[in-house]
Amino acid sequence: MKSQPIRLSRFLTFAGLLSFCLAGSLVAQAPLTPGLGKTTPPPATVAATPFVCYSAVHVDGPFIAMTFDDGPSEKLTPELLDLLAQHHIHATFFVIGTNVVAHPEVLQRAVGEGHEIGNHSWSHPAFAKMRDDSVRLQLQKTDDAIRAAIGSSPTLMRPPYGSITARQKRWINSEFGYRIILWDIDPLDWKRPGAAVVTSRIVRETRPGSIILSHDIHPGTIKAMPATFDQLQAKGFKFVTVSELIAMGKPMTPKQTGEYGAAPSASPSRSPAATPVPAASPAPSSPNP
């Protein structure tokens, strides 16, 4: 019985963040209806509009995406790359620009081994509290650093702390072409609870289509990964990059969208479904994610 308030709280957060995530994709492109002063998106228009923001993806099959933030770390990221290679797993790394400049060889190795790179800002500020020109500089400097290191620009962006407004999502997607990637599994590894706790939280909460958040700058996280990978693979999960997961996305039926806590105003027929983060992101004053 003690778990009921926690579950209710997660459900309410889950439902609220669905509308926040969709605000940058469906509602943003909806035209105004003359004389009504409100948006009324035609089903055909909404169906053809790709989602901008993802915290999970509705997929047919046991596919999940592991993501690692805040690197590359000179020592820990290579250790993680060794573990990923041993388990034949491809992951997505959301990198900090200053770390890219400091350790471009680590990024080059990650790409050479089939991993995906995303933009996680230059210095990890909270975007929702910033002016557009400051956010633009954070993203552009990091984009430039990634391109200098690996020869290509990223197509994904994760805002530090998950801090981003619906309006920011729209212009960032329009200007940079980024898809904004959040998460639905957060083991709070940045609080350093211990490797066993990190593993338990990830394995217990992961479901098909999950985007799992963790950090390759904490020793405890790296220590947690062998058991995490083993247990998830034992449960039948298959690891893909975030872009591969999005490409697998399937439309959700009205029943399925209801199971996710809320239904969008119209069900997309050709776009992968974005789903909400089930737990609130850490406050911007926290060091991660």
C-alpha atoms as a PDB file:
ATOM      1  CA  MET A   1       0.000   0.000   0.000  1.00  0.00           C
ATOM      2  CA  LYS A   2       2.883   2.384   0.607  1.00  0.00           C
ATOM      3  CA  SER A   3       3.767   2.369  -3.084  1.00  0.00           C
ATOM      4  CA  GLN A   4       0.411   3.781  -4.211  1.00  0.00           C
ATOM      5  CA  PRO A   5       1.205   7.486  -3.607  1.00  0.00           C
ATOM      6  CA  ILE A   6       4.503   7.090  -5.462  1.00  0.00           C
ATOM      7  CA  ARG A   7       2.809   5.416  -8.409  1.00  0.00           C
ATOM      8  CA  LEU A   8       0.134   8.126  -8.522  1.00  0.00           C
ATOM      9  CA  SER A   9       2.783  10.840  -8.444  1.00  0.00           C
ATOM     10  CA  ARG A  10       4.698   9.189 -11.288  1.00  0.00           C
ATOM     11  CA  PHE A  11       1.492   8.823 -13.297  1.00  0.00           C
ATOM     12  CA  LEU A  12       0.622  12.509 -12.911  1.00  0.00           C
ATOM     13  CA  THR A  13       4.136  13.585 -13.863  1.00  0.00           C
ATOM     14  CA  PHE A  14       4.070  11.108 -16.731  1.00  0.00           C
ATOM     15  CA  ALA A  15       0.806  12.534 -18.098  1.00  0.00           C
ATOM     16  CA  GLY A  16       1.864  16.136 -17.662  1.00  0.00           C
ATOM     17  CA  LEU A  17       5.148  15.692 -19.469  1.00  0.00           C
ATOM     18  CA  LEU A  18       3.448  14.013 -22.415  1.00  0.00           C
ATOM     19  CA  SER A  19       1.632  17.248 -23.207  1.00  0.00           C
ATOM     20  CA  PHE A  20       4.900  19.178 -22.705  1.00  0.00           C
ATOM     21  CA  CYS A  21       6.772  16.942 -25.136  1.00  0.00           C
ATOM     22  CA  LEU A  22       3.993  17.062 -27.724  1.00  0.00           C
ATOM     23  CA  ALA A  23       3.817  20.847 -27.463  1.00  0.00           C
ATOM     24  CA  GLY A  24       6.977  21.073 -29.501  1.00  0.00           C
ATOM     25  CA  SER A  25       5.768  18.765 -32.237  1.00  0.00           C
ATOM     26  CA  LEU A  26       2.043  18.542 -32.813  1.00  0.00           C
ATOM     27  CA  VAL A  27       0.602  21.787 -31.516  1.00  0.00           C
ATOM     28  CA  ALA A  28       3.476  23.904 -32.825  1.00  0.00           C
ATOM     29  CA  GLN A  29       2.610  23.239 -36.451  1.00  0.00           C
ATOM     30  CA  ALA A  30      -1.145  23.587 -36.048  1.00  0.00           C
ATOM     31  CA  PRO A  31      -2.679  26.420 -38.125  1.00  0.00           C
ATOM     32  CA  LEU A  32      -5.075  28.956 -36.684  1.00  0.00           C
ATOM     33  CA  THR A  33      -8.746  28.519 -37.475  1.00  0.00           C
ATOM     34  CA  PRO A  34     -10.111  31.859 -38.769  1.00  0.00           C
ATOM     35  CA  GLY A  35     -12.343  33.609 -36.255  1.00  0.00           C
ATOM     36  CA  LEU A  36     -11.728  31.092 -33.469  1.00  0.00           C
ATOM     37  CA  GLY A  37      -8.329  32.256 -32.191  1.00  0.00           C
ATOM     38  CA  LYS A  38      -7.150  28.769 -31.350  1.00  0.00           C
ATOM     39  CA  THR A  39      -5.256  25.972 -33.014  1.00  0.00           C
ATOM     40  CA  THR A  40      -7.177  23.176 -34.698  1.00  0.00           C
ATOM     41  CA  PRO A  41      -4.715  20.845 -36.412  1.00  0.00           C
ATOM     42  CA  PRO A  42      -6.221  18.862 -39.290  1.00  0.00           C
ATOM     43  CA  PRO A  43      -5.531  15.136 -38.766  1.00  0.00           C
ATOM     44  CA  ALA A  44      -3.661  14.874 -42.078  1.00  0.00           C
ATOM     45  CA  THR A  45      -1.352  17.757 -41.134  1.00  0.00           C
ATOM     46  CA  VAL A  46      -0.589  16.321 -37.711  1.00  0.00           C
ATOM     47  CA  ALA A  47      -0.042  12.837 -39.090  1.00  0.00           C
ATOM     48  CA  ALA A  48       2.619  14.105 -41.478  1.00  0.00           C
ATOM     49  CA  THR A  49       4.476  16.137 -38.836  1.00  0.00           C
ATOM     50  CA  PRO A  50       7.492  14.388 -37.291  1.00  0.00           C
ATOM     51  CA  PHE A  51       7.870  14.595 -33.544  1.00  0.00           C
ATOM     52  CA  VAL A  52      10.477  17.007 -32.227  1.00  0.00           C
ATOM     53  CA  CYS A  53      10.850  15.627 -28.690  1.00  0.00           C
ATOM     54  CA  TYR A  54      11.236  12.053 -27.474  1.00  0.00           C
ATOM     55  CA  SER A  55      11.496  10.524 -24.022  1.00  0.00           C
ATOM     56  CA  ALA A  56      10.720   6.990 -25.246  1.00  0.00           C
ATOM     57  CA  VAL A  57       9.496   5.400 -28.465  1.00  0.00           C
ATOM     58  CA  HIS A  58       6.596   3.018 -29.088  1.00  0.00           C
ATOM     59  CA  VAL A  59       8.170  -0.008 -30.787  1.00  0.00           C
ATOM     60  CA  ASP A  60       7.236  -3.540 -31.758  1.00  0.00           C
ATOM     61  CA  GLY A  61       9.919  -5.595 -30.094  1.00  0.00           C
ATOM     62  CA  PRO A  62      12.256  -5.492 -27.085  1.00  0.00           C
ATOM     63  CA  PHE A  63      14.391  -2.599 -28.312  1.00  0.00           C
ATOM     64  CA  ILE A  64      15.891  -0.008 -25.949  1.00  0.00           C
ATOM     65  CA  ALA A  65      18.498   2.765 -26.104  1.00  0.00           C
ATOM     66  CA  MET A  66      21.272   3.313 -23.568  1.00  0.00           C
ATOM     67  CA  THR A  67      22.419   6.925 -23.353  1.00  0.00           C
ATOM     68  CA  PHE A  68      25.374   8.423 -21.495  1.00  0.00           C
ATOM     69  CA  ASP A  69      25.701  12.125 -20.673  1.00  0.00           C
ATOM     70  CA  ASP A  70      28.401  14.653 -19.813  1.00  0.00           C
ATOM     71  CA  GLY A  71      31.500  13.006 -21.300  1.00  0.00           C
ATOM     72  CA  PRO A  72      33.711  12.215 -22.877  1.00  0.00           C
ATOM     73  CA  SER A  73      35.825  11.351 -19.858  1.00  0.00           C
ATOM     74  CA  GLU A  74      39.494  10.643 -20.547  1.00  0.00           C
ATOM     75  CA  LYS A  75      39.499   7.588 -18.250  1.00  0.00           C
ATOM     76  CA  LEU A  76      35.923   6.415 -17.702  1.00  0.00           C
ATOM     77  CA  THR A  77      34.526   6.648 -21.231  1.00  0.00           C
ATOM     78  CA  PRO A  78      37.193   4.290 -22.666  1.00  0.00           C
ATOM     79  CA  GLU A  79      36.391   1.826 -19.855  1.00  0.00           C
ATOM     80  CA  LEU A  80      32.716   2.042 -20.801  1.00  0.00           C
ATOM     81  CA  LEU A  81      33.551   1.582 -24.488  1.00  0.00           C
ATOM     82  CA  ASP A  82      35.414  -1.617 -23.583  1.00  0.00           C
ATOM     83  CA  LEU A  83      32.309  -2.909 -21.761  1.00  0.00           C
ATOM     84  CA  LEU A  84      29.987  -1.952 -24.609  1.00  0.00           C
ATOM     85  CA  ALA A  85      32.222  -3.783 -27.078  1.00  0.00           C
ATOM     86  CA  GLN A  86      32.270  -6.887 -24.892  1.00  0.00           C
ATOM     87  CA  HIS A  87      28.468  -6.927 -24.821  1.00  0.00           C
ATOM     88  CA  HIS A  88      28.081  -5.970 -28.523  1.00  0.00           C
ATOM     89  CA  ILE A  89      26.064  -2.894 -27.588  1.00  0.00           C
ATOM     90  CA  HIS A  90      25.819   0.406 -29.440  1.00  0.00           C
ATOM     91  CA  ALA A  91      24.923   3.417 -27.291  1.00  0.00           C
ATOM     92  CA  THR A  92      24.301   7.138 -27.706  1.00  0.00           C
ATOM     93  CA  PHE A  93      26.616   9.656 -26.034  1.00  0.00           C
ATOM     94  CA  PHE A  94      25.379  13.185 -25.306  1.00  0.00           C
ATOM     95  CA  VAL A  95      28.610  15.098 -24.959  1.00  0.00           C
ATOM     96  CA  ILE A  96      29.714  18.370 -23.389  1.00  0.00           C
ATOM     97  CA  GLY A  97      31.587  20.677 -25.759  1.00  0.00           C
ATOM     98  CA  THR A  98      34.441  21.471 -23.396  1.00  0.00           C
ATOM     99  CA  ASN A  99      35.065  17.745 -22.902  1.00  0.00           C
ATOM    100  CA  VAL A 100      34.981  17.130 -26.644  1.00  0.00           C
ATOM    101  CA  VAL A 101      37.710  19.723 -27.150  1.00  0.00           C
ATOM    102  CA  ALA A 102      39.764  18.176 -24.340  1.00  0.00           C
ATOM    103  CA  HIS A 103      39.382  14.543 -25.487  1.00  0.00           C
ATOM    104  CA  PRO A 104      38.521  14.346 -29.199  1.00  0.00           C
ATOM    105  CA  GLU A 105      40.288  10.979 -29.511  1.00  0.00           C
ATOM    106  CA  VAL A 106      37.738   9.392 -27.164  1.00  0.00           C
ATOM    107  CA  LEU A 107      34.898  10.661 -29.342  1.00  0.00           C
ATOM    108  CA  GLN A 108      36.657   9.382 -32.441  1.00  0.00           C
ATOM    109  CA  ARG A 109      36.958   5.942 -30.901  1.00  0.00           C
ATOM    110  CA  ALA A 110      33.277   5.906 -29.930  1.00  0.00           C
ATOM    111  CA  VAL A 111      32.169   6.753 -33.455  1.00  0.00           C
ATOM    112  CA  GLY A 112      34.585   4.241 -34.937  1.00  0.00           C
ATOM    113  CA  GLU A 113      32.982   1.536 -32.813  1.00  0.00           C
ATOM    114  CA  GLY A 114      29.463   2.363 -33.989  1.00  0.00           C
ATOM    115  CA  HIS A 115      28.172   4.615 -31.236  1.00  0.00           C
ATOM    116  CA  GLU A 116      26.061   7.732 -31.775  1.00  0.00           C
ATOM    117  CA  ILE A 117      26.966  11.259 -30.661  1.00  0.00           C
ATOM    118  CA  GLY A 118      24.528  13.948 -29.533  1.00  0.00           C
ATOM    119  CA  ASN A 119      24.880  17.585 -28.425  1.00  0.00           C
ATOM    120  CA  HIS A 120      24.574  18.187 -24.664  1.00  0.00           C
ATOM    121  CA  SER A 121      25.652  21.860 -24.674  1.00  0.00           C
ATOM    122  CA  TRP A 122      29.036  23.510 -24.200  1.00  0.00           C
ATOM    123  CA  SER A 123      29.054  23.936 -20.409  1.00  0.00           C
ATOM    124  CA  HIS A 124      25.859  22.294 -19.053  1.00  0.00           C
ATOM    125  CA  PRO A 125      23.592  25.280 -18.230  1.00  0.00           C
ATOM    126  CA  ALA A 126      19.806  25.207 -17.814  1.00  0.00           C
ATOM    127  CA  PHE A 127      18.417  26.301 -21.190  1.00  0.00           C
ATOM    128  CA  ALA A 128      14.955  27.210 -19.906  1.00  0.00           C
ATOM    129  CA  LYS A 129      16.492  30.063 -17.894  1.00  0.00           C
ATOM    130  CA  MET A 130      18.582  31.446 -20.771  1.00  0.00           C
ATOM    131  CA  ARG A 131      18.159  33.892 -23.638  1.00  0.00           C
ATOM    132  CA  ASP A 132      17.966  32.440 -27.133  1.00  0.00           C
ATOM    133  CA  ASP A 133      21.312  33.849 -28.220  1.00  0.00           C
ATOM    134  CA  SER A 134      23.045  32.211 -25.241  1.00  0.00           C
ATOM    135  CA  VAL A 135      21.408  28.850 -25.961  1.00  0.00           C
ATOM    136  CA  ARG A 136      22.350  29.201 -29.620  1.00  0.00           C
ATOM    137  CA  LEU A 137      25.993  29.798 -28.689  1.00  0.00           C
ATOM    138  CA  GLN A 138      26.031  26.759 -26.381  1.00  0.00           C
ATOM    139  CA  LEU A 139      24.721  24.522 -29.149  1.00  0.00           C
ATOM    140  CA  GLN A 140      26.758  25.972 -32.004  1.00  0.00           C
ATOM    141  CA  LYS A 141      30.094  25.788 -30.176  1.00  0.00           C
ATOM    142  CA  THR A 142      29.440  22.161 -29.270  1.00  0.00           C
ATOM    143  CA  ASP A 143      28.264  21.337 -32.784  1.00  0.00           C
ATOM    144  CA  ASP A 144      31.468  22.859 -34.148  1.00  0.00           C
ATOM    145  CA  ALA A 145      33.608  20.891 -31.678  1.00  0.00           C
ATOM    146  CA  ILE A 146      31.886  17.602 -32.525  1.00  0.00           C
ATOM    147  CA  ARG A 147      32.236  18.237 -36.243  1.00  0.00           C
ATOM    148  CA  ALA A 148      35.925  19.059 -35.815  1.00  0.00           C
ATOM    149  CA  ALA A 149      36.465  15.836 -33.865  1.00  0.00           C
ATOM    150  CA  ILE A 150      34.507  13.331 -35.970  1.00  0.00           C
ATOM    151  CA  GLY A 151      33.825  15.099 -39.276  1.00  0.00           C
ATOM    152  CA  SER A 152      30.048  15.405 -38.984  1.00  0.00           C
ATOM    153  CA  SER A 153      27.452  17.277 -36.951  1.00  0.00           C
ATOM    154  CA  PRO A 154      25.057  15.546 -34.546  1.00  0.00           C
ATOM    155  CA  THR A 155      21.354  15.188 -35.264  1.00  0.00           C
ATOM    156  CA  LEU A 156      20.264  14.783 -31.635  1.00  0.00           C
ATOM    157  CA  MET A 157      20.355  17.166 -28.683  1.00  0.00           C
ATOM    158  CA  ARG A 158      19.675  16.614 -24.994  1.00  0.00           C
ATOM    159  CA  PRO A 159      19.159  19.750 -22.881  1.00  0.00           C
ATOM    160  CA  PRO A 160      21.060  19.719 -19.582  1.00  0.00           C
ATOM    161  CA  TYR A 161      18.768  18.771 -16.688  1.00  0.00           C
ATOM    162  CA  GLY A 162      15.994  18.260 -19.270  1.00  0.00           C
ATOM    163  CA  SER A 163      15.528  22.036 -18.912  1.00  0.00           C
ATOM    164  CA  ILE A 164      13.929  23.372 -22.094  1.00  0.00           C
ATOM    165  CA  THR A 165      10.735  25.203 -23.033  1.00  0.00           C
ATOM    166  CA  ALA A 166       8.316  24.212 -25.772  1.00  0.00           C
ATOM    167  CA  ARG A 167       9.235  27.366 -27.703  1.00  0.00           C
ATOM    168  CA  GLN A 168      12.947  26.561 -27.441  1.00  0.00           C
ATOM    169  CA  LYS A 169      12.325  23.069 -28.758  1.00  0.00           C
ATOM    170  CA  ARG A 170      10.615  24.493 -31.823  1.00  0.00           C
ATOM    171  CA  TRP A 171      13.281  26.990 -32.813  1.00  0.00           C
ATOM    172  CA  ILE A 172      16.174  24.650 -31.984  1.00  0.00           C
ATOM    173  CA  ASN A 173      14.644  21.962 -34.167  1.00  0.00           C
ATOM    174  CA  SER A 174      13.983  24.481 -36.946  1.00  0.00           C
ATOM    175  CA  GLU A 175      17.428  26.091 -36.810  1.00  0.00           C
ATOM    176  CA  PHE A 176      19.704  23.133 -36.053  1.00  0.00           C
ATOM    177  CA  GLY A 177      17.557  20.224 -37.223  1.00  0.00           C
ATOM    178  CA  TYR A 178      18.027  18.491 -33.873  1.00  0.00           C
ATOM    179  CA  ARG A 179      15.570  16.085 -32.364  1.00  0.00           C
ATOM    180  CA  ILE A 180      15.363  16.780 -28.644  1.00  0.00           C
ATOM    181  CA  ILE A 181      15.942  13.632 -26.602  1.00  0.00           C
ATOM    182  CA  LEU A 182      14.823  13.272 -23.005  1.00  0.00           C
ATOM    183  CA  TRP A 183      14.452   9.927 -21.193  1.00  0.00           C
ATOM    184  CA  ASP A 184      12.003   7.676 -19.386  1.00  0.00           C
ATOM    185  CA  ILE A 185      14.446   5.775 -17.164  1.00  0.00           C
ATOM    186  CA  ASP A 186      16.603   7.725 -14.700  1.00  0.00           C
ATOM    187  CA  PRO A 187      18.572   5.715 -12.112  1.00  0.00           C
ATOM    188  CA  LEU A 188      19.788   8.952 -10.478  1.00  0.00           C
ATOM    189  CA  ASP A 189      23.334   7.700 -10.875  1.00  0.00           C
ATOM    190  CA  TRP A 190      24.600  11.296 -10.554  1.00  0.00           C
ATOM    191  CA  LYS A 191      23.704  11.025  -6.855  1.00  0.00           C
ATOM    192  CA  ARG A 192      26.153   8.100  -6.672  1.00  0.00           C
ATOM    193  CA  PRO A 193      23.851   5.634  -4.848  1.00  0.00           C
ATOM    194  CA  GLY A 194      26.147   2.681  -5.569  1.00  0.00           C
ATOM    195  CA  ALA A 195      26.500   0.348  -8.530  1.00  0.00           C
ATOM    196  CA  ALA A 196      23.962  -2.206  -7.293  1.00  0.00           C
ATOM    197  CA  VAL A 197      21.278   0.466  -6.875  1.00  0.00           C
ATOM    198  CA  VAL A 198      21.919   1.903 -10.343  1.00  0.00           C
ATOM    199  CA  THR A 199      21.596  -1.559 -11.875  1.00  0.00           C
ATOM    200  CA  SER A 200      18.443  -2.385  -9.918  1.00  0.00           C
ATOM    201  CA  ARG A 201      16.698   0.843 -10.887  1.00  0.00           C
ATOM    202  CA  ILE A 202      17.472   0.466 -14.578  1.00  0.00           C
ATOM    203  CA  VAL A 203      16.566  -3.212 -14.824  1.00  0.00           C
ATOM    204  CA  ARG A 204      13.353  -2.805 -12.802  1.00  0.00           C
ATOM    205  CA  GLU A 205      11.980   0.137 -14.809  1.00  0.00           C
ATOM    206  CA  THR A 206      13.106  -0.564 -18.388  1.00  0.00           C
ATOM    207  CA  ARG A 207      10.445  -1.504 -20.923  1.00  0.00           C
ATOM    208  CA  PRO A 208      10.443  -1.818 -24.729  1.00  0.00           C
ATOM    209  CA  GLY A 209      11.166   1.564 -26.300  1.00  0.00           C
ATOM    210  CA  SER A 210      12.857   3.004 -23.212  1.00  0.00           C
ATOM    211  CA  ILE A 211      15.540   5.659 -23.450  1.00  0.00           C
ATOM    212  CA  ILE A 212      17.781   5.083 -20.435  1.00  0.00           C
ATOM    213  CA  LEU A 213      19.707   7.980 -18.904  1.00  0.00           C
ATOM    214  CA  SER A 214      23.097   7.546 -17.228  1.00  0.00           C
ATOM    215  CA  HIS A 215      26.472   9.293 -17.083  1.00  0.00           C
ATOM    216  CA  ASP A 216      29.926   8.194 -18.183  1.00  0.00           C
ATOM    217  CA  ILE A 217      31.677  10.575 -15.774  1.00  0.00           C
ATOM    218  CA  HIS A 218      30.904   8.688 -12.536  1.00  0.00           C
ATOM    219  CA  PRO A 219      32.946   5.601 -11.544  1.00  0.00           C
ATOM    220  CA  GLY A 220      29.911   3.980  -9.913  1.00  0.00           C
ATOM    221  CA  THR A 221      27.979   4.148 -13.163  1.00  0.00           C
ATOM    222  CA  ILE A 222      30.725   2.370 -15.083  1.00  0.00           C
ATOM    223  CA  LYS A 223      30.921  -0.240 -12.315  1.00  0.00           C
ATOM    224  CA  ALA A 224      27.150  -0.781 -12.607  1.00  0.00           C
ATOM    225  CA  MET A 225      27.133  -1.402 -16.344  1.00  0.00           C
ATOM    226  CA  PRO A 226      28.346  -5.053 -16.570  1.00  0.00           C
ATOM    227  CA  ALA A 227      25.507  -6.293 -14.367  1.00  0.00           C
ATOM    228  CA  THR A 228      23.067  -3.878 -16.000  1.00  0.00           C
ATOM    229  CA  PHE A 229      23.909  -5.088 -19.489  1.00  0.00           C
ATOM    230  CA  ASP A 230      23.875  -8.754 -18.440  1.00  0.00           C
ATOM    231  CA  GLN A 231      20.493  -8.515 -16.730  1.00  0.00           C
ATOM    232  CA  LEU A 232      18.828  -6.511 -19.488  1.00  0.00           C
ATOM    233  CA  GLN A 233      20.117  -8.921 -22.136  1.00  0.00           C
ATOM    234  CA  ALA A 234      18.935 -11.858 -20.005  1.00  0.00           C
ATOM    235  CA  LYS A 235      15.445 -10.318 -20.084  1.00  0.00           C
ATOM    236  CA  GLY A 236      15.605 -10.278 -23.875  1.00  0.00           C
ATOM    237  CA  PHE A 237      16.220  -6.578 -24.471  1.00  0.00           C
ATOM    238  CA  LYS A 238      18.140  -5.549 -27.580  1.00  0.00           C
ATOM    239  CA  PHE A 239      20.217  -2.372 -27.581  1.00  0.00           C
ATOM    240  CA  VAL A 240      20.129   0.201 -30.380  1.00  0.00           C
ATOM    241  CA  THR A 241      21.101   3.852 -30.729  1.00  0.00           C
ATOM    242  CA  VAL A 242      18.490   6.544 -30.150  1.00  0.00           C
ATOM    243  CA  SER A 243      18.213   7.296 -33.872  1.00  0.00           C
ATOM    244  CA  GLU A 244      17.731   3.608 -34.610  1.00  0.00           C
ATOM    245  CA  LEU A 245      15.045   3.424 -31.926  1.00  0.00           C
ATOM    246  CA  ILE A 246      13.218   6.420 -33.395  1.00  0.00           C
ATOM    247  CA  ALA A 247      13.372   4.839 -36.858  1.00  0.00           C
ATOM    248  CA  MET A 248      11.614   1.761 -35.413  1.00  0.00           C
ATOM    249  CA  GLY A 249       8.760   3.836 -33.982  1.00  0.00           C
ATOM    250  CA  LYS A 250       5.194   2.685 -34.542  1.00  0.00           C
ATOM    251  CA  PRO A 251       1.959   4.659 -34.251  1.00  0.00           C
ATOM    252  CA  MET A 252       0.041   4.123 -31.036  1.00  0.00           C
ATOM    253  CA  THR A 253      -3.616   3.131 -30.921  1.00  0.00           C
ATOM    254  CA  PRO A 254      -5.994   5.186 -28.750  1.00  0.00           C
ATOM    255  CA  LYS A 255      -5.844   2.436 -26.127  1.00  0.00           C
ATOM    256  CA  GLN A 256      -2.046   2.495 -26.086  1.00  0.00           C
ATOM    257  CA  THR A 257      -1.819   6.266 -25.810  1.00  0.00           C
ATOM    258  CA  GLY A 258      -4.220   6.090 -22.898  1.00  0.00           C
ATOM    259  CA  GLU A 259      -1.916   3.599 -21.206  1.00  0.00           C
ATOM    260  CA  TYR A 260       0.880   6.164 -21.459  1.00  0.00           C
ATOM    261  CA  GLY A 261      -1.123   8.611 -19.340  1.00  0.00           C
ATOM    262  CA  ALA A 262      -2.673  10.879 -21.979  1.00  0.00           C
ATOM    263  CA  ALA A 263      -3.572  10.827 -25.629  1.00  0.00           C
ATOM    264  CA  PRO A 264      -2.387  13.425 -28.151  1.00  0.00           C
ATOM    265  CA  SER A 265      -5.007  15.527 -29.885  1.00  0.00           C
ATOM    266  CA  ALA A 266      -4.724  13.332 -32.964  1.00  0.00           C
ATOM    267  CA  SER A 267      -2.978  10.004 -33.434  1.00  0.00           C
ATOM    268  CA  PRO A 268      -0.046  10.261 -35.868  1.00  0.00           C
ATOM    269  CA  SER A 269      -0.136   7.632 -38.588  1.00  0.00           C
ATOM    270  CA  ARG A 270       3.394   7.924 -39.937  1.00  0.00           C
ATOM    271  CA  SER A 271       5.482   9.384 -37.115  1.00  0.00           C
ATOM    272  CA  PRO A 272       7.043   7.513 -34.182  1.00  0.00           C
ATOM    273  CA  ALA A 273       5.241   8.213 -30.948  1.00  0.00           C
ATOM    274  CA  ALA A 274       6.903  10.330 -28.311  1.00  0.00           C
ATOM    275  CA  THR A 275       6.165   9.278 -24.753  1.00  0.00           C
ATOM    276  CA  PRO A 276       6.700  11.097 -21.465  1.00  0.00           C
ATOM    277  CA  VAL A 277       9.328  11.037 -18.770  1.00  0.00           C
ATOM    278  CA  PRO A 278       7.826   9.162 -15.787  1.00  0.00           C
ATOM    279  CA  ALA A 279       9.893  10.933 -13.161  1.00  0.00           C
ATOM    280  CA  ALA A 280      10.657  14.614 -12.766  1.00  0.00           C
ATOM    281  CA  SER A 281      14.086  15.766 -13.925  1.00  0.00           C
ATOM    282  CA  PRO A 282      16.563  16.935 -11.282  1.00  0.00           C
ATOM    283  CA  ALA A 283      16.443  20.628 -10.439  1.00  0.00           C
ATOM    284  CA  PRO A 284      18.850  22.768 -12.455  1.00  0.00           C
ATOM    285  CA  SER A 285      20.969  23.338  -9.352  1.00  0.00           C
ATOM    286  CA  SER A 286      21.929  19.653  -9.371  1.00  0.00           C
ATOM    287  CA  PRO A 287      25.213  18.706 -11.082  1.00  0.00           C
ATOM    288  CA  ASN A 288      23.585  16.259 -13.498  1.00  0.00           C
ATOM    289  CA  PRO A 289      22.145  15.054 -15.861  1.00  0.00           C
END
